[in-house]
């Protein structure tokens, strides 16, 4: 019996922590950030401005393995709309991190 189900499930999991992009980019006022997790675990996804200052946290907690999408509404942790410019989405898990550049245009 050729049952590739176990193989397909294994192959479906990404090999590494990666941000696959954001749509739309450039964006205004919000964008959806897509990322893949190689395994389940404590995950952090934060937005930083180009100077490295944290703007807000989008994810802080346990997530399942596989593909995910999180929407950022272009606001900081206090709910204020941020200014136009380049922002960095940084995901981290188990000491590994990935960063993706995004542009907010008003």
C-alpha atoms as a PDB file:
ATOM      1  CA  UNK A   1       0.000   0.000   0.000  1.00  0.00           C
ATOM      2  CA  UNK A   2       1.405   3.373  -1.111  1.00  0.00           C
ATOM      3  CA  UNK A   3       0.211   5.677   1.638  1.00  0.00           C
ATOM      4  CA  UNK A   4       2.224   8.932   1.491  1.00  0.00           C
ATOM      5  CA  UNK A   5       0.138  10.654   4.182  1.00  0.00           C
ATOM      6  CA  UNK A   6       2.913  10.550   6.819  1.00  0.00           C
ATOM      7  CA  UNK A   7       5.438  11.805   4.280  1.00  0.00           C
ATOM      8  CA  UNK A   8       3.144  14.613   3.125  1.00  0.00           C
ATOM      9  CA  UNK A   9       2.589  15.824   6.703  1.00  0.00           C
ATOM     10  CA  UNK A  10       6.328  15.903   7.365  1.00  0.00           C
ATOM     11  CA  UNK A  11       7.074  17.658   4.071  1.00  0.00           C
ATOM     12  CA  UNK A  12       4.387  20.274   4.772  1.00  0.00           C
ATOM     13  CA  UNK A  13       6.272  21.677   7.770  1.00  0.00           C
ATOM     14  CA  UNK A  14       8.762  24.420   6.921  1.00  0.00           C
ATOM     15  CA  UNK A  15      12.414  23.607   7.551  1.00  0.00           C
ATOM     16  CA  UNK A  16      13.182  26.982   9.107  1.00  0.00           C
ATOM     17  CA  UNK A  17      11.631  29.977  10.804  1.00  0.00           C
ATOM     18  CA  UNK A  18      10.907  32.449   8.005  1.00  0.00           C
ATOM     19  CA  UNK A  19       8.780  35.508   7.233  1.00  0.00           C
ATOM     20  CA  UNK A  20       7.467  34.836   3.747  1.00  0.00           C
ATOM     21  CA  UNK A  21       6.376  38.432   3.189  1.00  0.00           C
ATOM     22  CA  UNK A  22       3.633  40.953   3.790  1.00  0.00           C
ATOM     23  CA  UNK A  23       0.713  41.937   1.595  1.00  0.00           C
ATOM     24  CA  UNK A  24       0.349  44.617   0.487  1.00  0.00           C
ATOM     25  CA  UNK A  25       3.840  46.150   0.579  1.00  0.00           C
ATOM     26  CA  UNK A  26       4.033  49.166   0.497  1.00  0.00           C
ATOM     27  CA  UNK A  27       0.902  49.366   2.656  1.00  0.00           C
ATOM     28  CA  UNK A  28      -1.581  51.867   4.107  1.00  0.00           C
ATOM     29  CA  UNK A  29      -3.154  51.515   6.588  1.00  0.00           C
ATOM     30  CA  UNK A  30      -2.667  47.787   7.318  1.00  0.00           C
ATOM     31  CA  UNK A  31      -0.742  44.767   6.050  1.00  0.00           C
ATOM     32  CA  UNK A  32      -0.866  40.997   6.573  1.00  0.00           C
ATOM     33  CA  UNK A  33       2.465  39.450   7.600  1.00  0.00           C
ATOM     34  CA  UNK A  34       2.919  35.799   6.601  1.00  0.00           C
ATOM     35  CA  UNK A  35       5.386  33.494   8.325  1.00  0.00           C
ATOM     36  CA  UNK A  36       6.210  29.813   8.742  1.00  0.00           C
ATOM     37  CA  UNK A  37       7.114  28.048  11.971  1.00  0.00           C
ATOM     38  CA  UNK A  38       9.125  24.794  11.752  1.00  0.00           C
ATOM     39  CA  UNK A  39       7.631  23.553  15.032  1.00  0.00           C
ATOM     40  CA  UNK A  40       5.198  24.545  17.738  1.00  0.00           C
ATOM     41  CA  UNK A  41       6.481  26.743  20.543  1.00  0.00           C
ATOM     42  CA  UNK A  42       6.749  30.138  22.189  1.00  0.00           C
ATOM     43  CA  UNK A  43       6.836  32.708  19.404  1.00  0.00           C
ATOM     44  CA  UNK A  44       7.333  36.458  19.360  1.00  0.00           C
ATOM     45  CA  UNK A  45       6.448  38.737  16.433  1.00  0.00           C
ATOM     46  CA  UNK A  46       7.208  42.420  16.961  1.00  0.00           C
ATOM     47  CA  UNK A  47       7.333  45.517  14.778  1.00  0.00           C
ATOM     48  CA  UNK A  48      10.340  47.852  14.993  1.00  0.00           C
ATOM     49  CA  UNK A  49      11.029  51.202  13.371  1.00  0.00           C
ATOM     50  CA  UNK A  50      14.169  51.709  11.280  1.00  0.00           C
ATOM     51  CA  UNK A  51      16.115  52.958  14.342  1.00  0.00           C
ATOM     52  CA  UNK A  52      15.444  49.679  16.154  1.00  0.00           C
ATOM     53  CA  UNK A  53      12.813  51.015  18.572  1.00  0.00           C
ATOM     54  CA  UNK A  54      10.008  48.523  19.234  1.00  0.00           C
ATOM     55  CA  UNK A  55       6.689  49.839  17.916  1.00  0.00           C
ATOM     56  CA  UNK A  56       4.422  47.017  19.103  1.00  0.00           C
ATOM     57  CA  UNK A  57       4.102  43.280  19.744  1.00  0.00           C
ATOM     58  CA  UNK A  58       1.790  41.332  17.419  1.00  0.00           C
ATOM     59  CA  UNK A  59       2.396  37.830  18.799  1.00  0.00           C
ATOM     60  CA  UNK A  60       3.757  36.784  22.181  1.00  0.00           C
ATOM     61  CA  UNK A  61       2.950  33.210  23.124  1.00  0.00           C
ATOM     62  CA  UNK A  62       2.632  29.641  21.954  1.00  0.00           C
ATOM     63  CA  UNK A  63       1.828  28.959  18.302  1.00  0.00           C
ATOM     64  CA  UNK A  64       1.437  25.799  16.258  1.00  0.00           C
ATOM     65  CA  UNK A  65       3.862  24.709  13.537  1.00  0.00           C
ATOM     66  CA  UNK A  66       3.134  25.661   9.910  1.00  0.00           C
ATOM     67  CA  UNK A  67       1.993  28.759   8.038  1.00  0.00           C
ATOM     68  CA  UNK A  68       0.481  31.767   9.833  1.00  0.00           C
ATOM     69  CA  UNK A  69      -0.785  35.252   8.932  1.00  0.00           C
ATOM     70  CA  UNK A  70      -1.027  38.183  11.324  1.00  0.00           C
ATOM     71  CA  UNK A  71      -2.408  41.619  10.422  1.00  0.00           C
ATOM     72  CA  UNK A  72      -0.656  44.787  11.597  1.00  0.00           C
ATOM     73  CA  UNK A  73      -2.936  47.834  11.570  1.00  0.00           C
ATOM     74  CA  UNK A  74      -0.090  50.375  11.311  1.00  0.00           C
ATOM     75  CA  UNK A  75      -0.479  51.455  14.936  1.00  0.00           C
ATOM     76  CA  UNK A  76       1.920  51.470  17.866  1.00  0.00           C
ATOM     77  CA  UNK A  77       1.382  49.798  21.253  1.00  0.00           C
ATOM     78  CA  UNK A  78      -0.640  52.842  22.435  1.00  0.00           C
ATOM     79  CA  UNK A  79      -2.954  52.689  19.427  1.00  0.00           C
ATOM     80  CA  UNK A  80      -1.485  55.712  17.658  1.00  0.00           C
ATOM     81  CA  UNK A  81      -1.087  55.611  13.869  1.00  0.00           C
ATOM     82  CA  UNK A  82       2.618  55.451  13.000  1.00  0.00           C
ATOM     83  CA  UNK A  83       4.252  57.707  10.414  1.00  0.00           C
ATOM     84  CA  UNK A  84       5.289  56.766   6.888  1.00  0.00           C
ATOM     85  CA  UNK A  85       8.572  54.909   6.617  1.00  0.00           C
ATOM     86  CA  UNK A  86      10.317  51.557   6.743  1.00  0.00           C
ATOM     87  CA  UNK A  87       9.398  49.116   9.505  1.00  0.00           C
ATOM     88  CA  UNK A  88      10.838  45.743  10.421  1.00  0.00           C
ATOM     89  CA  UNK A  89       8.773  42.719  11.350  1.00  0.00           C
ATOM     90  CA  UNK A  90      10.943  40.472  13.543  1.00  0.00           C
ATOM     91  CA  UNK A  91       9.886  36.977  14.480  1.00  0.00           C
ATOM     92  CA  UNK A  92      11.782  34.945  17.024  1.00  0.00           C
ATOM     93  CA  UNK A  93      11.474  31.436  18.422  1.00  0.00           C
ATOM     94  CA  UNK A  94      13.897  29.270  20.425  1.00  0.00           C
ATOM     95  CA  UNK A  95      16.811  31.664  19.953  1.00  0.00           C
ATOM     96  CA  UNK A  96      16.297  31.905  16.169  1.00  0.00           C
ATOM     97  CA  UNK A  97      15.033  35.070  14.493  1.00  0.00           C
ATOM     98  CA  UNK A  98      14.015  36.340  11.056  1.00  0.00           C
ATOM     99  CA  UNK A  99      13.422  39.926   9.955  1.00  0.00           C
ATOM    100  CA  UNK A 100      11.403  41.392   7.062  1.00  0.00           C
ATOM    101  CA  UNK A 101      11.314  45.016   5.801  1.00  0.00           C
ATOM    102  CA  UNK A 102       7.961  46.681   5.156  1.00  0.00           C
ATOM    103  CA  UNK A 103       7.131  50.157   3.892  1.00  0.00           C
ATOM    104  CA  UNK A 104       4.205  52.236   5.169  1.00  0.00           C
ATOM    105  CA  UNK A 105       3.252  54.981   2.700  1.00  0.00           C
ATOM    106  CA  UNK A 106       0.615  57.583   3.529  1.00  0.00           C
END
